[in-house]
C-alpha atoms as a PDB file:
ATOM      1  CA  MET A   1      19.723   9.485   1.918  1.00  0.00           C
ATOM      2  CA  ASN A   2      18.136  11.178  -1.102  1.00  0.00           C
ATOM      3  CA  GLN A   3      21.006   9.994  -3.301  1.00  0.00           C
ATOM      4  CA  LEU A   4      20.692   6.493  -1.905  1.00  0.00           C
ATOM      5  CA  LEU A   5      16.995   6.397  -2.729  1.00  0.00           C
ATOM      6  CA  LEU A   6      17.644   7.678  -6.245  1.00  0.00           C
ATOM      7  CA  ASP A   7      19.955   4.748  -6.784  1.00  0.00           C
ATOM      8  CA  MET A   8      17.343   2.150  -5.870  1.00  0.00           C
ATOM      9  CA  ALA A   9      16.433  -0.390  -8.522  1.00  0.00           C
ATOM     10  CA  PRO A  10      12.671  -0.207  -9.158  1.00  0.00           C
ATOM     11  CA  ASP A  11      12.268  -3.975  -9.415  1.00  0.00           C
ATOM     12  CA  TRP A  12       9.729  -4.628  -6.676  1.00  0.00           C
ATOM     13  CA  LEU A  13       6.003  -4.230  -7.191  1.00  0.00           C
ATOM     14  CA  PRO A  14       3.245  -4.633  -4.598  1.00  0.00           C
ATOM     15  CA  THR A  15       1.152  -7.761  -5.158  1.00  0.00           C
ATOM     16  CA  LEU A  16      -1.410  -9.645  -3.137  1.00  0.00           C
ATOM     17  CA  ASP A  17       1.097 -12.485  -2.829  1.00  0.00           C
ATOM     18  CA  ASN A  18       3.880 -10.366  -1.305  1.00  0.00           C
ATOM     19  CA  PHE A  19       1.512  -8.614   1.115  1.00  0.00           C
ATOM     20  CA  VAL A  20       2.092 -10.053   4.592  1.00  0.00           C
ATOM     21  CA  PRO A  21      -1.509 -10.587   5.736  1.00  0.00           C
ATOM     22  CA  GLY A  22      -1.146 -10.709   9.507  1.00  0.00           C
ATOM     23  CA  ARG A  23      -4.713 -10.256  10.758  1.00  0.00           C
ATOM     24  CA  ASN A  24      -5.963  -9.274   7.284  1.00  0.00           C
ATOM     25  CA  ILE A  25      -6.596 -12.744   5.854  1.00  0.00           C
ATOM     26  CA  GLU A  26     -10.338 -12.157   5.497  1.00  0.00           C
ATOM     27  CA  LEU A  27      -9.681  -8.878   3.690  1.00  0.00           C
ATOM     28  CA  LEU A  28      -7.302 -10.532   1.220  1.00  0.00           C
ATOM     29  CA  SER A  29      -9.897 -13.208   0.496  1.00  0.00           C
ATOM     30  CA  ALA A  30     -12.573 -10.549  -0.074  1.00  0.00           C
ATOM     31  CA  LEU A  31     -10.329  -8.686  -2.526  1.00  0.00           C
ATOM     32  CA  ARG A  32      -9.566 -11.828  -4.519  1.00  0.00           C
ATOM     33  CA  HIS A  33     -13.257 -12.791  -4.694  1.00  0.00           C
ATOM     34  CA  ALA A  34     -14.317  -9.297  -5.726  1.00  0.00           C
ATOM     35  CA  LEU A  35     -11.612  -9.109  -8.378  1.00  0.00           C
ATOM     36  CA  ALA A  36     -12.651 -12.469  -9.780  1.00  0.00           C
ATOM     37  CA  GLY A  37     -16.279 -11.348  -9.945  1.00  0.00           C
ATOM     38  CA  ALA A  38     -17.246 -14.082  -7.487  1.00  0.00           C
ATOM     39  CA  ALA A  39     -18.604 -11.683  -4.859  1.00  0.00           C
ATOM     40  CA  CYS A  40     -21.972  -9.947  -4.843  1.00  0.00           C
ATOM     41  CA  GLU A  41     -20.411  -6.744  -3.492  1.00  0.00           C
ATOM     42  CA  ARG A  42     -17.581  -5.245  -5.551  1.00  0.00           C
ATOM     43  CA  CYS A  43     -17.314  -1.857  -3.846  1.00  0.00           C
ATOM     44  CA  LEU A  44     -14.895  -2.007  -0.926  1.00  0.00           C
ATOM     45  CA  TYR A  45     -13.623   0.651   1.440  1.00  0.00           C
ATOM     46  CA  LEU A  46     -10.397   0.080   3.379  1.00  0.00           C
ATOM     47  CA  TRP A  47      -9.308   2.200   6.316  1.00  0.00           C
ATOM     48  CA  GLY A  48      -6.409   2.164   8.719  1.00  0.00           C
ATOM     49  CA  ASP A  49      -3.343   3.947  10.004  1.00  0.00           C
ATOM     50  CA  ALA A  50      -0.696   5.383   7.710  1.00  0.00           C
ATOM     51  CA  GLY A  51       1.686   2.623   6.694  1.00  0.00           C
ATOM     52  CA  SER A  52      -0.771  -0.189   7.398  1.00  0.00           C
ATOM     53  CA  GLY A  53      -0.698  -1.388   3.773  1.00  0.00           C
ATOM     54  CA  LYS A  54      -3.760   0.248   2.191  1.00  0.00           C
ATOM     55  CA  SER A  55      -1.834   1.620  -0.796  1.00  0.00           C
ATOM     56  CA  HIS A  56      -0.059  -1.713  -1.274  1.00  0.00           C
ATOM     57  CA  LEU A  57      -3.404  -3.503  -1.551  1.00  0.00           C
ATOM     58  CA  LEU A  58      -4.957  -0.961  -3.911  1.00  0.00           C
ATOM     59  CA  GLN A  59      -1.968  -1.015  -6.241  1.00  0.00           C
ATOM     60  CA  ALA A  60      -1.780  -4.812  -6.088  1.00  0.00           C
ATOM     61  CA  VAL A  61      -5.419  -5.200  -7.110  1.00  0.00           C
ATOM     62  CA  VAL A  62      -4.936  -2.866 -10.073  1.00  0.00           C
ATOM     63  CA  GLU A  63      -1.839  -4.726 -11.280  1.00  0.00           C
ATOM     64  CA  LEU A  64      -3.627  -8.069 -10.957  1.00  0.00           C
ATOM     65  CA  ALA A  65      -6.620  -6.738 -12.888  1.00  0.00           C
ATOM     66  CA  ARG A  66      -4.384  -5.446 -15.673  1.00  0.00           C
ATOM     67  CA  ALA A  67      -2.591  -8.787 -15.859  1.00  0.00           C
ATOM     68  CA  ALA A  68      -6.009 -10.398 -16.374  1.00  0.00           C
ATOM     69  CA  GLY A  69      -6.720  -8.067 -19.300  1.00  0.00           C
ATOM     70  CA  GLN A  70      -9.063  -5.692 -17.490  1.00  0.00           C
ATOM     71  CA  SER A  71      -8.926  -1.915 -17.673  1.00  0.00           C
ATOM     72  CA  ALA A  72      -7.768  -0.727 -14.254  1.00  0.00           C
ATOM     73  CA  VAL A  73      -6.515   2.511 -12.739  1.00  0.00           C
ATOM     74  CA  TYR A  74      -4.980   3.556  -9.424  1.00  0.00           C
ATOM     75  CA  VAL A  75      -5.056   7.179  -8.247  1.00  0.00           C
ATOM     76  CA  ARG A  76      -4.290   8.998  -5.011  1.00  0.00           C
ATOM     77  CA  GLY A  77      -6.417  11.911  -3.845  1.00  0.00           C
ATOM     78  CA  ALA A  78      -8.148  12.354  -7.223  1.00  0.00           C
ATOM     79  CA  VAL A  79     -11.073  10.882  -9.158  1.00  0.00           C
ATOM     80  CA  PRO A  80     -10.281   9.132 -12.466  1.00  0.00           C
ATOM     81  CA  GLU A  81     -12.442   8.152 -15.397  1.00  0.00           C
ATOM     82  CA  ALA A  82     -14.409   4.945 -14.994  1.00  0.00           C
ATOM     83  CA  ALA A  83     -12.703   1.613 -15.727  1.00  0.00           C
ATOM     84  CA  GLN A  84     -13.453  -2.024 -14.980  1.00  0.00           C
ATOM     85  CA  VAL A  85     -11.413  -1.671 -11.787  1.00  0.00           C
ATOM     86  CA  VAL A  86     -10.822   1.660 -10.067  1.00  0.00           C
ATOM     87  CA  ALA A  87      -8.686   2.058  -6.928  1.00  0.00           C
ATOM     88  CA  LEU A  88      -8.755   5.450  -5.219  1.00  0.00           C
ATOM     89  CA  ASP A  89      -6.429   6.182  -2.301  1.00  0.00           C
ATOM     90  CA  ASP A  90      -6.804   8.890   0.377  1.00  0.00           C
ATOM     91  CA  VAL A  91     -10.478   9.793  -0.130  1.00  0.00           C
ATOM     92  CA  GLU A  92     -10.306  12.168   2.843  1.00  0.00           C
ATOM     93  CA  THR A  93      -8.163  14.566   0.776  1.00  0.00           C
ATOM     94  CA  LEU A  94     -10.783  15.091  -1.954  1.00  0.00           C
ATOM     95  CA  ASP A  95     -12.050  18.641  -2.425  1.00  0.00           C
ATOM     96  CA  ALA A  96     -15.719  19.531  -2.985  1.00  0.00           C
ATOM     97  CA  ALA A  97     -15.620  19.069  -6.769  1.00  0.00           C
ATOM     98  CA  ALA A  98     -13.805  15.739  -6.484  1.00  0.00           C
ATOM     99  CA  GLN A  99     -16.347  14.504  -3.928  1.00  0.00           C
ATOM    100  CA  ILE A 100     -19.153  15.152  -6.408  1.00  0.00           C
ATOM    101  CA  ALA A 101     -17.174  13.295  -9.074  1.00  0.00           C
ATOM    102  CA  LEU A 102     -16.620  10.350  -6.726  1.00  0.00           C
ATOM    103  CA  PHE A 103     -20.337  10.237  -5.869  1.00  0.00           C
ATOM    104  CA  GLU A 104     -21.119   9.948  -9.574  1.00  0.00           C
ATOM    105  CA  LEU A 105     -18.343   7.403 -10.142  1.00  0.00           C
ATOM    106  CA  TYR A 106     -19.578   5.277  -7.245  1.00  0.00           C
ATOM    107  CA  ASN A 107     -23.089   5.119  -8.696  1.00  0.00           C
ATOM    108  CA  HIS A 108     -21.722   4.342 -12.163  1.00  0.00           C
ATOM    109  CA  MET A 109     -19.488   1.532 -10.900  1.00  0.00           C
ATOM    110  CA  ARG A 110     -22.313  -0.108  -8.958  1.00  0.00           C
ATOM    111  CA  ASP A 111     -24.612   0.057 -11.984  1.00  0.00           C
ATOM    112  CA  SER A 112     -21.954  -1.235 -14.393  1.00  0.00           C
ATOM    113  CA  GLY A 113     -20.750  -4.060 -12.161  1.00  0.00           C
ATOM    114  CA  GLY A 114     -17.204  -2.733 -12.001  1.00  0.00           C
ATOM    115  CA  MET A 115     -14.942  -3.012  -8.974  1.00  0.00           C
ATOM    116  CA  LEU A 116     -14.365   0.124  -6.917  1.00  0.00           C
ATOM    117  CA  LEU A 117     -11.730   0.016  -4.199  1.00  0.00           C
ATOM    118  CA  LEU A 118     -11.317   3.029  -1.912  1.00  0.00           C
ATOM    119  CA  SER A 119      -9.161   3.838   1.087  1.00  0.00           C
ATOM    120  CA  GLY A 120      -9.031   6.403   3.853  1.00  0.00           C
ATOM    121  CA  THR A 121      -7.717   6.995   7.346  1.00  0.00           C
ATOM    122  CA  ALA A 122     -11.047   6.513   9.165  1.00  0.00           C
ATOM    123  CA  THR A 123     -14.352   4.698   8.890  1.00  0.00           C
ATOM    124  CA  PRO A 124     -16.854   6.217   6.451  1.00  0.00           C
ATOM    125  CA  THR A 125     -18.904   7.762   9.263  1.00  0.00           C
ATOM    126  CA  HIS A 126     -15.859   9.643  10.559  1.00  0.00           C
ATOM    127  CA  LEU A 127     -14.703  11.049   7.219  1.00  0.00           C
ATOM    128  CA  ARG A 128     -15.106  14.779   6.648  1.00  0.00           C
ATOM    129  CA  LEU A 129     -16.931  14.323   3.350  1.00  0.00           C
ATOM    130  CA  ARG A 130     -20.411  15.041   1.955  1.00  0.00           C
ATOM    131  CA  ASP A 131     -23.105  13.143   3.850  1.00  0.00           C
ATOM    132  CA  ASP A 132     -24.390  11.402   0.718  1.00  0.00           C
ATOM    133  CA  LEU A 133     -20.867  10.275  -0.183  1.00  0.00           C
ATOM    134  CA  ARG A 134     -20.157   8.957   3.309  1.00  0.00           C
ATOM    135  CA  THR A 135     -23.409   7.015   3.094  1.00  0.00           C
ATOM    136  CA  ARG A 136     -22.380   5.493  -0.237  1.00  0.00           C
ATOM    137  CA  LEU A 137     -18.980   4.447   1.122  1.00  0.00           C
ATOM    138  CA  GLY A 138     -20.697   2.662   3.988  1.00  0.00           C
ATOM    139  CA  TRP A 139     -22.976   0.690   1.644  1.00  0.00           C
ATOM    140  CA  GLY A 140     -20.217  -1.587   0.407  1.00  0.00           C
ATOM    141  CA  LEU A 141     -17.810  -3.800   2.308  1.00  0.00           C
ATOM    142  CA  VAL A 142     -15.772  -1.907   4.903  1.00  0.00           C
ATOM    143  CA  TYR A 143     -12.543  -3.356   6.270  1.00  0.00           C
ATOM    144  CA  GLN A 144      -9.971  -2.040   8.694  1.00  0.00           C
ATOM    145  CA  VAL A 145      -6.445  -2.841   7.516  1.00  0.00           C
ATOM    146  CA  GLN A 146      -4.756  -4.111  10.663  1.00  0.00           C
ATOM    147  CA  SER A 147      -1.154  -3.051  11.245  1.00  0.00           C
ATOM    148  CA  LEU A 148       1.488  -5.749  11.471  1.00  0.00           C
ATOM    149  CA  SER A 149       3.210  -6.927  14.620  1.00  0.00           C
ATOM    150  CA  ASP A 150       7.004  -6.685  14.818  1.00  0.00           C
ATOM    151  CA  GLU A 151       7.274 -10.373  13.952  1.00  0.00           C
ATOM    152  CA  GLU A 152       5.108  -9.856  10.874  1.00  0.00           C
ATOM    153  CA  LYS A 153       7.096  -6.772   9.882  1.00  0.00           C
ATOM    154  CA  ALA A 154      10.293  -8.814  10.135  1.00  0.00           C
ATOM    155  CA  ARG A 155       8.784 -11.397   7.788  1.00  0.00           C
ATOM    156  CA  ALA A 156       7.770  -8.651   5.365  1.00  0.00           C
ATOM    157  CA  LEU A 157      11.289  -7.176   5.390  1.00  0.00           C
ATOM    158  CA  GLU A 158      12.914 -10.563   4.781  1.00  0.00           C
ATOM    159  CA  GLN A 159      10.437 -11.307   1.985  1.00  0.00           C
ATOM    160  CA  HIS A 160      11.138  -7.912   0.410  1.00  0.00           C
ATOM    161  CA  ALA A 161      14.893  -8.550   0.562  1.00  0.00           C
ATOM    162  CA  LEU A 162      14.487 -11.916  -1.150  1.00  0.00           C
ATOM    163  CA  ALA A 163      12.452 -10.259  -3.904  1.00  0.00           C
ATOM    164  CA  ARG A 164      15.374  -7.893  -4.472  1.00  0.00           C
ATOM    165  CA  GLY A 165      17.829 -10.786  -4.572  1.00  0.00           C
ATOM    166  CA  PHE A 166      19.603 -10.740  -1.225  1.00  0.00           C
ATOM    167  CA  ILE A 167      19.289 -12.371   2.183  1.00  0.00           C
ATOM    168  CA  LEU A 168      18.668 -10.077   5.127  1.00  0.00           C
ATOM    169  CA  PRO A 169      20.586 -11.164   8.251  1.00  0.00           C
ATOM    170  CA  HIS A 170      18.420 -11.408  11.355  1.00  0.00           C
ATOM    171  CA  GLU A 171      20.565  -8.911  13.245  1.00  0.00           C
ATOM    172  CA  VAL A 172      19.965  -6.312  10.516  1.00  0.00           C
ATOM    173  CA  THR A 173      16.217  -6.900  10.658  1.00  0.00           C
ATOM    174  CA  HIS A 174      16.257  -6.616  14.443  1.00  0.00           C
ATOM    175  CA  TYR A 175      18.263  -3.378  14.387  1.00  0.00           C
ATOM    176  CA  LEU A 176      16.030  -1.802  11.747  1.00  0.00           C
ATOM    177  CA  LEU A 177      12.883  -2.637  13.694  1.00  0.00           C
ATOM    178  CA  ARG A 178      14.361  -1.212  16.901  1.00  0.00           C
ATOM    179  CA  HIS A 179      15.813   1.987  15.442  1.00  0.00           C
ATOM    180  CA  GLY A 180      13.873   2.675  12.231  1.00  0.00           C
ATOM    181  CA  ARG A 181      10.461   4.262  11.784  1.00  0.00           C
ATOM    182  CA  ARG A 182       7.541   2.060  12.752  1.00  0.00           C
ATOM    183  CA  ASP A 183       5.497   2.117   9.539  1.00  0.00           C
ATOM    184  CA  LEU A 184       6.228  -0.596   6.984  1.00  0.00           C
ATOM    185  CA  PRO A 185       6.637   1.647   3.885  1.00  0.00           C
ATOM    186  CA  ALA A 186       9.384   3.610   5.671  1.00  0.00           C
ATOM    187  CA  LEU A 187      11.070   0.377   6.749  1.00  0.00           C
ATOM    188  CA  LEU A 188      10.951  -0.993   3.201  1.00  0.00           C
ATOM    189  CA  GLY A 189      12.363   2.284   1.861  1.00  0.00           C
ATOM    190  CA  MET A 190      15.257   2.063   4.307  1.00  0.00           C
ATOM    191  CA  LEU A 191      15.847  -1.526   3.256  1.00  0.00           C
ATOM    192  CA  ASP A 192      15.938  -0.489  -0.408  1.00  0.00           C
ATOM    193  CA  ALA A 193      18.460   2.215   0.446  1.00  0.00           C
ATOM    194  CA  LEU A 194      20.578  -0.344   2.302  1.00  0.00           C
ATOM    195  CA  ASP A 195      20.494  -2.649  -0.719  1.00  0.00           C
ATOM    196  CA  ALA A 196      21.635   0.167  -3.025  1.00  0.00           C
ATOM    197  CA  HIS A 197      24.435   1.082  -0.593  1.00  0.00           C
ATOM    198  CA  CYS A 198      25.603  -2.541  -0.400  1.00  0.00           C
ATOM    199  CA  LEU A 199      25.607  -2.880  -4.180  1.00  0.00           C
ATOM    200  CA  ARG A 200      27.791   0.196  -4.588  1.00  0.00           C
ATOM    201  CA  LEU A 201      30.254  -1.070  -1.990  1.00  0.00           C
ATOM    202  CA  LYS A 202      29.975  -4.688  -3.208  1.00  0.00           C
ATOM    203  CA  ARG A 203      29.402  -5.840   0.370  1.00  0.00           C
ATOM    204  CA  GLY A 204      26.697  -7.855   2.077  1.00  0.00           C
ATOM    205  CA  ALA A 205      24.035  -6.309   4.276  1.00  0.00           C
ATOM    206  CA  SER A 206      25.236  -5.677   7.831  1.00  0.00           C
ATOM    207  CA  VAL A 207      24.355  -3.560  10.848  1.00  0.00           C
ATOM    208  CA  PRO A 208      27.340  -1.182  10.304  1.00  0.00           C
ATOM    209  CA  LEU A 209      26.214  -0.506   6.715  1.00  0.00           C
ATOM    210  CA  LEU A 210      22.628  -0.020   7.904  1.00  0.00           C
ATOM    211  CA  LYS A 211      23.883   2.515  10.432  1.00  0.00           C
ATOM    212  CA  GLU A 212      25.652   4.395   7.648  1.00  0.00           C
ATOM    213  CA  VAL A 213      22.418   4.549   5.648  1.00  0.00           C
ATOM    214  CA  MET A 214      20.391   5.668   8.656  1.00  0.00           C
ATOM    215  CA  GLN A 215      22.948   8.324   9.573  1.00  0.00           C
ATOM    216  CA  SER A 216      22.910   9.596   5.984  1.00  0.00           C
ATOM    217  CA  GLY A 217      19.182  10.022   6.319  1.00  0.00           C
ATOM    218  CA  THR A 218      19.535  12.244   9.380  1.00  0.00           C
ATOM    219  CA  LYS A 219      22.010  14.676   7.837  1.00  0.00           C
ATOM    220  CA  THR A 220      20.705  18.100   6.995  1.00  0.00           C
ATOM    221  CA  PRO A 221      21.295  19.024   3.313  1.00  0.00           C
ATOM    222  CA  GLU A 222      23.796  21.861   2.837  1.00  0.00           C
END
């Protein structure tokens, strides 16, 4: 499986357009308005289960900001220098020094009118962070990123396949959803591995080839 993943073509980037919204339509609208400077509140905190799409959204906002000529940065579990748009993933992993830095960054971004986008695994009140920082995170807009249904995951997989240049047969989608891991990033990674496997064999995507990829992933390295 490791070799398969190494062979993947890095030609797919997360965007707001290729994010399957499901029950997150209001959140997508809020992100677009904040990015365009059309919203009064430009500090947003997103929370949800692992694999719900938080990282996708943060990275998508940064790429869109850069395309519009703004300075933008995405980091995970760290605090960067200030920019016009800052996206910080996994705030619950910040150590004491980083929490102080984020407190200062939050105040700076609010004063400067920049956009600060943060994510974590729980609501601000349930994060194990400094009290003053948890209070700050709750001041802005707080959204739960709702996980996708199986039907929505199927649509996301088929959309991802099209972006990589191939059509995903329904039976392959169905098998992957029944036998693969439940979170979307893992499903997309498996789909990328399947694509790489098919390209090497010069064959179309099929359930037997998907089984080969999945079995490769369960082998213990020697």
